[in-house]
PDB file of N, CA and C in Angstrom:
ATOM      1  N   MET A   1    -112.652 -89.053 -89.717  1.00  0.00           N
ATOM      2  CA  MET A   1    -113.450 -87.998 -89.119  1.00  0.00           C
ATOM      3  C   MET A   1    -113.969 -88.487 -87.774  1.00  0.00           C
ATOM      4  N   GLU A   2    -114.054 -87.563 -86.809  1.00  0.00           N
ATOM      5  CA  GLU A   2    -114.539 -87.902 -85.477  1.00  0.00           C
ATOM      6  C   GLU A   2    -115.800 -87.113 -85.132  1.00  0.00           C
ATOM      7  N   ILE A   3    -116.663 -87.764 -84.369  1.00  0.00           N
ATOM      8  CA  ILE A   3    -117.853 -87.117 -83.815  1.00  0.00           C
ATOM      9  C   ILE A   3    -117.874 -87.405 -82.322  1.00  0.00           C
ATOM     10  N   LEU A   4    -118.816 -86.797 -81.638  1.00  0.00           N
ATOM     11  CA  LEU A   4    -119.012 -87.049 -80.220  1.00  0.00           C
ATOM     12  C   LEU A   4    -120.239 -87.925 -80.039  1.00  0.00           C
ATOM     13  N   LEU A   5    -120.088 -89.004 -79.290  1.00  0.00           N
ATOM     14  CA  LEU A   5    -121.214 -89.834 -78.864  1.00  0.00           C
ATOM     15  C   LEU A   5    -121.456 -89.537 -77.392  1.00  0.00           C
ATOM     16  N   ALA A   6    -122.714 -89.496 -76.997  1.00  0.00           N
ATOM     17  CA  ALA A   6    -123.040 -89.331 -75.581  1.00  0.00           C
ATOM     18  C   ALA A   6    -124.132 -90.323 -75.208  1.00  0.00           C
ATOM     19  N   TYR A   7    -123.972 -90.900 -74.032  1.00  0.00           N
ATOM     20  CA  TYR A   7    -124.876 -91.899 -73.465  1.00  0.00           C
ATOM     21  C   TYR A   7    -125.524 -91.241 -72.257  1.00  0.00           C
ATOM     22  N   VAL A   8    -126.838 -91.111 -72.285  1.00  0.00           N
ATOM     23  CA  VAL A   8    -127.573 -90.435 -71.213  1.00  0.00           C
ATOM     24  C   VAL A   8    -128.682 -91.368 -70.736  1.00  0.00           C
ATOM     25  N   THR A   9    -128.731 -91.641 -69.438  1.00  0.00           N
ATOM     26  CA  THR A   9    -129.803 -92.483 -68.911  1.00  0.00           C
ATOM     27  C   THR A   9    -130.976 -91.611 -68.471  1.00  0.00           C
ATOM     28  N   CYS A  10    -132.184 -92.152 -68.639  1.00  0.00           N
ATOM     29  CA  CYS A  10    -133.430 -91.435 -68.330  1.00  0.00           C
ATOM     30  C   CYS A  10    -134.365 -92.364 -67.557  1.00  0.00           C
ATOM     31  N   PRO A  11    -135.273 -91.803 -66.750  1.00  0.00           N
ATOM     32  CA  PRO A  11    -136.147 -92.634 -65.930  1.00  0.00           C
ATOM     33  C   PRO A  11    -137.291 -93.307 -66.677  1.00  0.00           C
ATOM     34  N   SER A  12    -137.599 -92.846 -67.896  1.00  0.00           N
ATOM     35  CA  SER A  12    -138.737 -93.421 -68.619  1.00  0.00           C
ATOM     36  C   SER A  12    -138.587 -93.182 -70.114  1.00  0.00           C
ATOM     37  N   GLN A  13    -139.392 -93.895 -70.882  1.00  0.00           N
ATOM     38  CA  GLN A  13    -139.401 -93.695 -72.327  1.00  0.00           C
ATOM     39  C   GLN A  13    -139.843 -92.275 -72.661  1.00  0.00           C
ATOM     40  N   ASP A  14    -140.839 -91.787 -71.959  1.00  0.00           N
ATOM     41  CA  ASP A  14    -141.338 -90.441 -72.225  1.00  0.00           C
ATOM     42  C   ASP A  14    -140.245 -89.393 -72.032  1.00  0.00           C
ATOM     43  N   VAL A  15    -139.505 -89.494 -70.941  1.00  0.00           N
ATOM     44  CA  VAL A  15    -138.419 -88.541 -70.685  1.00  0.00           C
ATOM     45  C   VAL A  15    -137.338 -88.676 -71.754  1.00  0.00           C
ATOM     46  N   ALA A  16    -136.966 -89.906 -72.090  1.00  0.00           N
ATOM     47  CA  ALA A  16    -135.933 -90.122 -73.107  1.00  0.00           C
ATOM     48  C   ALA A  16    -136.356 -89.541 -74.451  1.00  0.00           C
ATOM     49  N   GLU A  17    -137.582 -89.818 -74.866  1.00  0.00           N
ATOM     50  CA  GLU A  17    -138.063 -89.316 -76.159  1.00  0.00           C
ATOM     51  C   GLU A  17    -138.195 -87.794 -76.152  1.00  0.00           C
ATOM     52  N   THR A  18    -138.697 -87.241 -75.071  1.00  0.00           N
ATOM     53  CA  THR A  18    -138.846 -85.785 -74.983  1.00  0.00           C
ATOM     54  C   THR A  18    -137.488 -85.099 -75.038  1.00  0.00           C
ATOM     55  N   LEU A  19    -136.535 -85.605 -74.271  1.00  0.00           N
ATOM     56  CA  LEU A  19    -135.195 -85.024 -74.263  1.00  0.00           C
ATOM     57  C   LEU A  19    -134.512 -85.213 -75.612  1.00  0.00           C
ATOM     58  N   GLY A  20    -134.590 -86.406 -76.172  1.00  0.00           N
ATOM     59  CA  GLY A  20    -133.974 -86.667 -77.472  1.00  0.00           C
ATOM     60  C   GLY A  20    -134.548 -85.792 -78.568  1.00  0.00           C
ATOM     61  N   GLN A  21    -135.871 -85.673 -78.603  1.00  0.00           N
ATOM     62  CA  GLN A  21    -136.505 -84.841 -79.634  1.00  0.00           C
ATOM     63  C   GLN A  21    -136.135 -83.371 -79.474  1.00  0.00           C
ATOM     64  N   ALA A  22    -136.043 -82.901 -78.242  1.00  0.00           N
ATOM     65  CA  ALA A  22    -135.652 -81.506 -78.013  1.00  0.00           C
ATOM     66  C   ALA A  22    -134.217 -81.261 -78.462  1.00  0.00           C
ATOM     67  N   LEU A  23    -133.318 -82.193 -78.174  1.00  0.00           N
ATOM     68  CA  LEU A  23    -131.923 -82.049 -78.601  1.00  0.00           C
ATOM     69  C   LEU A  23    -131.812 -82.015 -80.118  1.00  0.00           C
ATOM     70  N   VAL A  24    -132.604 -82.834 -80.806  1.00  0.00           N
ATOM     71  CA  VAL A  24    -132.611 -82.825 -82.275  1.00  0.00           C
ATOM     72  C   VAL A  24    -133.217 -81.518 -82.780  1.00  0.00           C
ATOM     73  N   ARG A  25    -134.354 -81.136 -82.237  1.00  0.00           N
ATOM     74  CA  ARG A  25    -135.044 -79.921 -82.683  1.00  0.00           C
ATOM     75  C   ARG A  25    -134.155 -78.684 -82.524  1.00  0.00           C
ATOM     76  N   GLU A  26    -133.402 -78.618 -81.424  1.00  0.00           N
ATOM     77  CA  GLU A  26    -132.497 -77.494 -81.173  1.00  0.00           C
ATOM     78  C   GLU A  26    -131.178 -77.634 -81.940  1.00  0.00           C
ATOM     79  N   ARG A  27    -131.023 -78.743 -82.642  1.00  0.00           N
ATOM     80  CA  ARG A  27    -129.823 -79.058 -83.431  1.00  0.00           C
ATOM     81  C   ARG A  27    -128.556 -79.167 -82.576  1.00  0.00           C
ATOM     82  N   VAL A  28    -128.741 -79.477 -81.300  1.00  0.00           N
ATOM     83  CA  VAL A  28    -127.597 -79.771 -80.430  1.00  0.00           C
ATOM     84  C   VAL A  28    -127.013 -81.120 -80.822  1.00  0.00           C
ATOM     85  N   VAL A  29    -127.864 -82.022 -81.293  1.00  0.00           N
ATOM     86  CA  VAL A  29    -127.433 -83.324 -81.816  1.00  0.00           C
ATOM     87  C   VAL A  29    -128.079 -83.529 -83.181  1.00  0.00           C
ATOM     88  N   ALA A  30    -127.460 -84.371 -83.986  1.00  0.00           N
ATOM     89  CA  ALA A  30    -128.033 -84.687 -85.300  1.00  0.00           C
ATOM     90  C   ALA A  30    -129.095 -85.773 -85.187  1.00  0.00           C
ATOM     91  N   CYS A  31    -128.917 -86.684 -84.239  1.00  0.00           N
ATOM     92  CA  CYS A  31    -129.851 -87.795 -84.096  1.00  0.00           C
ATOM     93  C   CYS A  31    -129.659 -88.462 -82.745  1.00  0.00           C
ATOM     94  N   TYR A  32    -130.602 -89.342 -82.426  1.00  0.00           N
ATOM     95  CA  TYR A  32    -130.487 -90.125 -81.192  1.00  0.00           C
ATOM     96  C   TYR A  32    -131.111 -91.495 -81.399  1.00  0.00           C
ATOM     97  N   ASN A  33    -130.711 -92.430 -80.558  1.00  0.00           N
ATOM     98  CA  ASN A  33    -131.339 -93.743 -80.438  1.00  0.00           C
ATOM     99  C   ASN A  33    -131.766 -93.882 -78.986  1.00  0.00           C
ATOM    100  N   ALA A  34    -132.879 -94.571 -78.748  1.00  0.00           N
ATOM    101  CA  ALA A  34    -133.364 -94.780 -77.381  1.00  0.00           C
ATOM    102  C   ALA A  34    -133.762 -96.238 -77.205  1.00  0.00           C
ATOM    103  N   TRP A  35    -133.426 -96.801 -76.058  1.00  0.00           N
ATOM    104  CA  TRP A  35    -133.823 -98.172 -75.751  1.00  0.00           C
ATOM    105  C   TRP A  35    -133.916 -98.349 -74.238  1.00  0.00           C
ATOM    106  N   SER A  36    -134.670 -99.369 -73.827  1.00  0.00           N
ATOM    107  CA  SER A  36    -134.841 -99.644 -72.397  1.00  0.00           C
ATOM    108  C   SER A  36    -133.745-100.579 -71.904  1.00  0.00           C
ATOM    109  N   MET A  37    -133.499-100.507 -70.601  1.00  0.00           N
ATOM    110  CA  MET A  37    -132.506-101.379 -69.968  1.00  0.00           C
ATOM    111  C   MET A  37    -132.857-101.520 -68.500  1.00  0.00           C
ATOM    112  N   ASN A  38    -132.284-102.524 -67.877  1.00  0.00           N
ATOM    113  CA  ASN A  38    -132.393-102.701 -66.435  1.00  0.00           C
ATOM    114  C   ASN A  38    -131.129-102.155 -65.798  1.00  0.00           C
ATOM    115  N   ALA A  39    -131.279-101.418 -64.710  1.00  0.00           N
ATOM    116  CA  ALA A  39    -130.137-100.796 -64.048  1.00  0.00           C
ATOM    117  C   ALA A  39    -130.137-101.153 -62.567  1.00  0.00           C
ATOM    118  N   ALA A  40    -128.949-101.255 -62.008  1.00  0.00           N
ATOM    119  CA  ALA A  40    -128.767-101.411 -60.567  1.00  0.00           C
ATOM    120  C   ALA A  40    -127.696-100.408 -60.151  1.00  0.00           C
ATOM    121  N   PHE A  41    -127.961 -99.685 -59.056  1.00  0.00           N
ATOM    122  CA  PHE A  41    -127.025 -98.641 -58.646  1.00  0.00           C
ATOM    123  C   PHE A  41    -127.260 -98.300 -57.176  1.00  0.00           C
ATOM    124  N   TRP A  42    -126.228 -97.723 -56.565  1.00  0.00           N
ATOM    125  CA  TRP A  42    -126.354 -97.257 -55.194  1.00  0.00           C
ATOM    126  C   TRP A  42    -127.053 -95.905 -55.188  1.00  0.00           C
ATOM    127  N   TRP A  43    -128.046 -95.738 -54.295  1.00  0.00           N
ATOM    128  CA  TRP A  43    -128.700 -94.447 -54.108  1.00  0.00           C
ATOM    129  C   TRP A  43    -129.192 -94.357 -52.673  1.00  0.00           C
ATOM    130  N   ASP A  44    -128.782 -93.324 -51.980  1.00  0.00           N
ATOM    131  CA  ASP A  44    -129.175 -93.103 -50.582  1.00  0.00           C
ATOM    132  C   ASP A  44    -128.878 -94.310 -49.696  1.00  0.00           C
ATOM    133  N   GLY A  45    -127.720 -94.932 -49.891  1.00  0.00           N
ATOM    134  CA  GLY A  45    -127.284 -96.013 -49.025  1.00  0.00           C
ATOM    135  C   GLY A  45    -127.830 -97.387 -49.340  1.00  0.00           C
ATOM    136  N   ASP A  46    -128.653 -97.511 -50.364  1.00  0.00           N
ATOM    137  CA  ASP A  46    -129.228 -98.804 -50.744  1.00  0.00           C
ATOM    138  C   ASP A  46    -128.998 -99.067 -52.224  1.00  0.00           C
ATOM    139  N   VAL A  47    -129.008-100.343 -52.577  1.00  0.00           N
ATOM    140  CA  VAL A  47    -128.937-100.705 -53.989  1.00  0.00           C
ATOM    141  C   VAL A  47    -130.343-100.601 -54.571  1.00  0.00           C
ATOM    142  N   SER A  48    -130.456 -99.825 -55.606  1.00  0.00           N
ATOM    143  CA  SER A  48    -131.738 -99.633 -56.285  1.00  0.00           C
ATOM    144  C   SER A  48    -131.707-100.379 -57.610  1.00  0.00           C
ATOM    145  N   ARG A  49    -132.803-101.000 -57.961  1.00  0.00           N
ATOM    146  CA  ARG A  49    -132.945-101.668 -59.259  1.00  0.00           C
ATOM    147  C   ARG A  49    -134.132-101.030 -59.965  1.00  0.00           C
ATOM    148  N   GLU A  50    -133.870-100.524 -61.146  1.00  0.00           N
ATOM    149  CA  GLU A  50    -134.893 -99.792 -61.890  1.00  0.00           C
ATOM    150  C   GLU A  50    -134.804-100.133 -63.371  1.00  0.00           C
ATOM    151  N   GLN A  51    -135.912 -99.930 -64.057  1.00  0.00           N
ATOM    152  CA  GLN A  51    -135.855 -99.928 -65.510  1.00  0.00           C
ATOM    153  C   GLN A  51    -135.588 -98.485 -65.909  1.00  0.00           C
ATOM    154  N   GLU A  52    -134.618 -98.280 -66.781  1.00  0.00           N
ATOM    155  CA  GLU A  52    -134.296 -96.954 -67.286  1.00  0.00           C
ATOM    156  C   GLU A  52    -134.294 -96.993 -68.806  1.00  0.00           C
ATOM    157  N   TRP A  53    -134.197 -95.820 -69.382  1.00  0.00           N
ATOM    158  CA  TRP A  53    -134.067 -95.679 -70.827  1.00  0.00           C
ATOM    159  C   TRP A  53    -132.748 -94.999 -71.118  1.00  0.00           C
ATOM    160  N   VAL A  54    -132.118 -95.421 -72.198  1.00  0.00           N
ATOM    161  CA  VAL A  54    -130.840 -94.864 -72.627  1.00  0.00           C
ATOM    162  C   VAL A  54    -131.054 -94.030 -73.877  1.00  0.00           C
ATOM    163  N   LEU A  55    -130.421 -92.877 -73.903  1.00  0.00           N
ATOM    164  CA  LEU A  55    -130.303 -92.086 -75.125  1.00  0.00           C
ATOM    165  C   LEU A  55    -128.858 -92.178 -75.581  1.00  0.00           C
ATOM    166  N   LEU A  56    -128.645 -92.531 -76.814  1.00  0.00           N
ATOM    167  CA  LEU A  56    -127.328 -92.448 -77.430  1.00  0.00           C
ATOM    168  C   LEU A  56    -127.447 -91.362 -78.479  1.00  0.00           C
ATOM    169  N   VAL A  57    -126.748 -90.248 -78.259  1.00  0.00           N
ATOM    170  CA  VAL A  57    -126.858 -89.108 -79.168  1.00  0.00           C
ATOM    171  C   VAL A  57    -125.546 -88.902 -79.909  1.00  0.00           C
ATOM    172  N   LYS A  58    -125.654 -88.312 -81.097  1.00  0.00           N
ATOM    173  CA  LYS A  58    -124.490 -88.084 -81.947  1.00  0.00           C
ATOM    174  C   LYS A  58    -124.440 -86.618 -82.339  1.00  0.00           C
ATOM    175  N   THR A  59    -123.258 -86.008 -82.159  1.00  0.00           N
ATOM    176  CA  THR A  59    -123.104 -84.594 -82.448  1.00  0.00           C
ATOM    177  C   THR A  59    -121.656 -84.267 -82.790  1.00  0.00           C
ATOM    178  N   ARG A  60    -121.397 -82.985 -82.989  1.00  0.00           N
ATOM    179  CA  ARG A  60    -120.040 -82.510 -83.268  1.00  0.00           C
ATOM    180  C   ARG A  60    -119.242 -82.425 -81.974  1.00  0.00           C
ATOM    181  N   LEU A  61    -117.932 -82.557 -82.087  1.00  0.00           N
ATOM    182  CA  LEU A  61    -117.065 -82.464 -80.917  1.00  0.00           C
ATOM    183  C   LEU A  61    -117.200 -81.116 -80.218  1.00  0.00           C
ATOM    184  N   ASP A  62    -117.324 -80.047 -80.987  1.00  0.00           N
ATOM    185  CA  ASP A  62    -117.363 -78.712 -80.394  1.00  0.00           C
ATOM    186  C   ASP A  62    -118.690 -78.392 -79.707  1.00  0.00           C
ATOM    187  N   LEU A  63    -119.673 -79.267 -79.796  1.00  0.00           N
ATOM    188  CA  LEU A  63    -120.951 -79.051 -79.116  1.00  0.00           C
ATOM    189  C   LEU A  63    -121.042 -79.793 -77.780  1.00  0.00           C
ATOM    190  N   GLU A  64    -119.928 -80.345 -77.323  1.00  0.00           N
ATOM    191  CA  GLU A  64    -119.925 -81.129 -76.087  1.00  0.00           C
ATOM    192  C   GLU A  64    -120.464 -80.341 -74.894  1.00  0.00           C
ATOM    193  N   GLN A  65    -119.980 -79.131 -74.674  1.00  0.00           N
ATOM    194  CA  GLN A  65    -120.433 -78.358 -73.513  1.00  0.00           C
ATOM    195  C   GLN A  65    -121.892 -77.943 -73.651  1.00  0.00           C
ATOM    196  N   ARG A  66    -122.306 -77.584 -74.855  1.00  0.00           N
ATOM    197  CA  ARG A  66    -123.714 -77.211 -75.063  1.00  0.00           C
ATOM    198  C   ARG A  66    -124.628 -78.403 -74.779  1.00  0.00           C
ATOM    199  N   LEU A  67    -124.209 -79.592 -75.211  1.00  0.00           N
ATOM    200  CA  LEU A  67    -124.976 -80.803 -74.938  1.00  0.00           C
ATOM    201  C   LEU A  67    -125.088 -81.032 -73.431  1.00  0.00           C
ATOM    202  N   GLU A  68    -123.963 -80.970 -72.735  1.00  0.00           N
ATOM    203  CA  GLU A  68    -123.993 -81.184 -71.284  1.00  0.00           C
ATOM    204  C   GLU A  68    -124.887 -80.156 -70.595  1.00  0.00           C
ATOM    205  N   ASP A  69    -124.735 -78.894 -70.950  1.00  0.00           N
ATOM    206  CA  ASP A  69    -125.543 -77.841 -70.330  1.00  0.00           C
ATOM    207  C   ASP A  69    -127.033 -78.084 -70.561  1.00  0.00           C
ATOM    208  N   TYR A  70    -127.397 -78.483 -71.776  1.00  0.00           N
ATOM    209  CA  TYR A  70    -128.808 -78.711 -72.101  1.00  0.00           C
ATOM    210  C   TYR A  70    -129.368 -79.878 -71.292  1.00  0.00           C
ATOM    211  N   VAL A  71    -128.616 -80.971 -71.239  1.00  0.00           N
ATOM    212  CA  VAL A  71    -129.091 -82.143 -70.487  1.00  0.00           C
ATOM    213  C   VAL A  71    -129.223 -81.799 -69.005  1.00  0.00           C
ATOM    214  N   LEU A  72    -128.218 -81.151 -68.431  1.00  0.00           N
ATOM    215  CA  LEU A  72    -128.283 -80.804 -67.008  1.00  0.00           C
ATOM    216  C   LEU A  72    -129.459 -79.882 -66.697  1.00  0.00           C
ATOM    217  N   ALA A  73    -129.784 -78.978 -67.610  1.00  0.00           N
ATOM    218  CA  ALA A  73    -130.881 -78.034 -67.384  1.00  0.00           C
ATOM    219  C   ALA A  73    -132.260 -78.662 -67.574  1.00  0.00           C
ATOM    220  N   ASN A  74    -132.339 -79.781 -68.307  1.00  0.00           N
ATOM    221  CA  ASN A  74    -133.640 -80.339 -68.677  1.00  0.00           C
ATOM    222  C   ASN A  74    -133.879 -81.769 -68.210  1.00  0.00           C
ATOM    223  N   HIS A  75    -132.980 -82.312 -67.430  1.00  0.00           N
ATOM    224  CA  HIS A  75    -133.079 -83.708 -66.994  1.00  0.00           C
ATOM    225  C   HIS A  75    -133.700 -83.782 -65.604  1.00  0.00           C
ATOM    226  N   PRO A  76    -134.592 -84.744 -65.351  1.00  0.00           N
ATOM    227  CA  PRO A  76    -135.233 -84.826 -64.036  1.00  0.00           C
ATOM    228  C   PRO A  76    -134.353 -85.422 -62.933  1.00  0.00           C
ATOM    229  N   TYR A  77    -133.296 -86.150 -63.286  1.00  0.00           N
ATOM    230  CA  TYR A  77    -132.450 -86.749 -62.248  1.00  0.00           C
ATOM    231  C   TYR A  77    -131.635 -85.677 -61.534  1.00  0.00           C
ATOM    232  N   GLN A  78    -131.446 -85.878 -60.246  1.00  0.00           N
ATOM    233  CA  GLN A  78    -130.573 -85.007 -59.464  1.00  0.00           C
ATOM    234  C   GLN A  78    -129.127 -85.138 -59.944  1.00  0.00           C
ATOM    235  N   VAL A  79    -128.732 -86.354 -60.301  1.00  0.00           N
ATOM    236  CA  VAL A  79    -127.379 -86.621 -60.786  1.00  0.00           C
ATOM    237  C   VAL A  79    -127.488 -87.407 -62.096  1.00  0.00           C
ATOM    238  N   PRO A  80    -127.713 -86.721 -63.215  1.00  0.00           N
ATOM    239  CA  PRO A  80    -127.845 -87.454 -64.483  1.00  0.00           C
ATOM    240  C   PRO A  80    -126.511 -88.029 -64.946  1.00  0.00           C
ATOM    241  N   CYS A  81    -126.595 -89.142 -65.630  1.00  0.00           N
ATOM    242  CA  CYS A  81    -125.419 -89.783 -66.228  1.00  0.00           C
ATOM    243  C   CYS A  81    -125.250 -89.237 -67.641  1.00  0.00           C
ATOM    244  N   ILE A  82    -124.098 -88.625 -67.902  1.00  0.00           N
ATOM    245  CA  ILE A  82    -123.771 -88.143 -69.244  1.00  0.00           C
ATOM    246  C   ILE A  82    -122.366 -88.658 -69.557  1.00  0.00           C
ATOM    247  N   LEU A  83    -122.294 -89.775 -70.259  1.00  0.00           N
ATOM    248  CA  LEU A  83    -121.006 -90.336 -70.664  1.00  0.00           C
ATOM    249  C   LEU A  83    -120.723 -89.886 -72.089  1.00  0.00           C
ATOM    250  N   ARG A  84    -119.488 -89.456 -72.348  1.00  0.00           N
ATOM    251  CA  ARG A  84    -119.148 -88.964 -73.690  1.00  0.00           C
ATOM    252  C   ARG A  84    -117.848 -89.580 -74.160  1.00  0.00           C
ATOM    253  N   TRP A  85    -117.784 -89.806 -75.453  1.00  0.00           N
ATOM    254  CA  TRP A  85    -116.531 -90.246 -76.047  1.00  0.00           C
ATOM    255  C   TRP A  85    -116.496 -89.880 -77.520  1.00  0.00           C
ATOM    256  N   ARG A  86    -115.264 -89.743 -78.013  1.00  0.00           N
ATOM    257  CA  ARG A  86    -115.047 -89.482 -79.438  1.00  0.00           C
ATOM    258  C   ARG A  86    -115.158 -90.791 -80.189  1.00  0.00           C
ATOM    259  N   SER A  87    -115.691 -90.701 -81.390  1.00  0.00           N
ATOM    260  CA  SER A  87    -115.827 -91.904 -82.205  1.00  0.00           C
ATOM    261  C   SER A  87    -115.473 -91.578 -83.648  1.00  0.00           C
ATOM    262  N   ARG A  88    -114.663 -92.434 -84.241  1.00  0.00           N
ATOM    263  CA  ARG A  88    -114.327 -92.274 -85.655  1.00  0.00           C
ATOM    264  C   ARG A  88    -115.484 -92.810 -86.483  1.00  0.00           C
ATOM    265  N   VAL A  89    -115.847 -92.049 -87.510  1.00  0.00           N
ATOM    266  CA  VAL A  89    -116.947 -92.439 -88.394  1.00  0.00           C
ATOM    267  C   VAL A  89    -116.521 -92.237 -89.838  1.00  0.00           C
ATOM    268  N   ASN A  90    -117.260 -92.875 -90.746  1.00  0.00           N
ATOM    269  CA  ASN A  90    -116.995 -92.653 -92.164  1.00  0.00           C
ATOM    270  C   ASN A  90    -117.282 -91.186 -92.502  1.00  0.00           C
ATOM    271  N   VAL A  91    -116.588 -90.681 -93.505  1.00  0.00           N
ATOM    272  CA  VAL A  91    -116.641 -89.261 -93.845  1.00  0.00           C
ATOM    273  C   VAL A  91    -118.057 -88.803 -94.182  1.00  0.00           C
ATOM    274  N   SER A  92    -118.792 -89.577 -94.956  1.00  0.00           N
ATOM    275  CA  SER A  92    -120.136 -89.133 -95.341  1.00  0.00           C
ATOM    276  C   SER A  92    -121.052 -89.008 -94.120  1.00  0.00           C
ATOM    277  N   TYR A  93    -120.935 -89.922 -93.163  1.00  0.00           N
ATOM    278  CA  TYR A  93    -121.754 -89.834 -91.951  1.00  0.00           C
ATOM    279  C   TYR A  93    -121.315 -88.646 -91.105  1.00  0.00           C
ATOM    280  N   GLY A  94    -120.022 -88.462 -90.961  1.00  0.00           N
ATOM    281  CA  GLY A  94    -119.511 -87.314 -90.208  1.00  0.00           C
ATOM    282  C   GLY A  94    -119.946 -85.995 -90.819  1.00  0.00           C
ATOM    283  N   ASN A  95    -119.911 -85.909 -92.139  1.00  0.00           N
ATOM    284  CA  ASN A  95    -120.370 -84.692 -92.815  1.00  0.00           C
ATOM    285  C   ASN A  95    -121.849 -84.447 -92.546  1.00  0.00           C
ATOM    286  N   TRP A  96    -122.643 -85.513 -92.533  1.00  0.00           N
ATOM    287  CA  TRP A  96    -124.071 -85.380 -92.244  1.00  0.00           C
ATOM    288  C   TRP A  96    -124.285 -84.855 -90.823  1.00  0.00           C
ATOM    289  N   ILE A  97    -123.549 -85.397 -89.852  1.00  0.00           N
ATOM    290  CA  ILE A  97    -123.641 -84.921 -88.464  1.00  0.00           C
ATOM    291  C   ILE A  97    -123.340 -83.421 -88.417  1.00  0.00           C
ATOM    292  N   HIS A  98    -122.263 -83.014 -89.077  1.00  0.00           N
ATOM    293  CA  HIS A  98    -121.878 -81.597 -89.083  1.00  0.00           C
ATOM    294  C   HIS A  98    -122.941 -80.735 -89.759  1.00  0.00           C
ATOM    295  N   GLN A  99    -123.461 -81.198 -90.876  1.00  0.00           N
ATOM    296  CA  GLN A  99    -124.474 -80.439 -91.612  1.00  0.00           C
ATOM    297  C   GLN A  99    -125.730 -80.232 -90.769  1.00  0.00           C
ATOM    298  N   GLU A 100    -126.177 -81.275 -90.091  1.00  0.00           N
ATOM    299  CA  GLU A 100    -127.433 -81.197 -89.342  1.00  0.00           C
ATOM    300  C   GLU A 100    -127.315 -80.426 -88.033  1.00  0.00           C
ATOM    301  N   THR A 101    -126.110 -80.148 -87.586  1.00  0.00           N
ATOM    302  CA  THR A 101    -125.921 -79.398 -86.336  1.00  0.00           C
ATOM    303  C   THR A 101    -125.280 -78.038 -86.579  1.00  0.00           C
ATOM    304  N   GLN A 102    -125.155 -77.630 -87.818  1.00  0.00           N
ATOM    305  CA  GLN A 102    -124.444 -76.379 -88.112  1.00  0.00           C
ATOM    306  C   GLN A 102    -125.158 -75.139 -87.586  1.00  0.00           C
ATOM    307  N   ASN A 103    -126.453 -75.194 -87.383  1.00  0.00           N
ATOM    308  CA  ASN A 103    -127.194 -74.033 -86.874  1.00  0.00           C
ATOM    309  C   ASN A 103    -127.428 -74.097 -85.368  1.00  0.00           C
ATOM    310  N   ALA A 104    -126.641 -74.916 -84.679  1.00  0.00           N
ATOM    311  CA  ALA A 104    -126.806 -75.074 -83.220  1.00  0.00           C
ATOM    312  C   ALA A 104    -126.374 -73.812 -82.483  1.00  0.00           C
TER     313      ALA A 104
END
């Protein structure tokens, strides 16, 4: 069985938790994990170094566009990072993901 994983970077713990909780509440995703990281990236011609927060969310494959639309509409970054990939999971976990997002 396959599910969709998405990796979304956020500027703070508050933003990550707020976005993650909203995605769960709306049943766009079944669950999320959040953690802090150090990032370096080009922005406006300079290398920027920031602490960011990562959301790793898990959902159904068919909710990919809804997930992207929700993040783009609710994310504070001008250019948010939304990385997605399919992941094989054990059947019971995949069934749980599907069950928890069926009313999305």
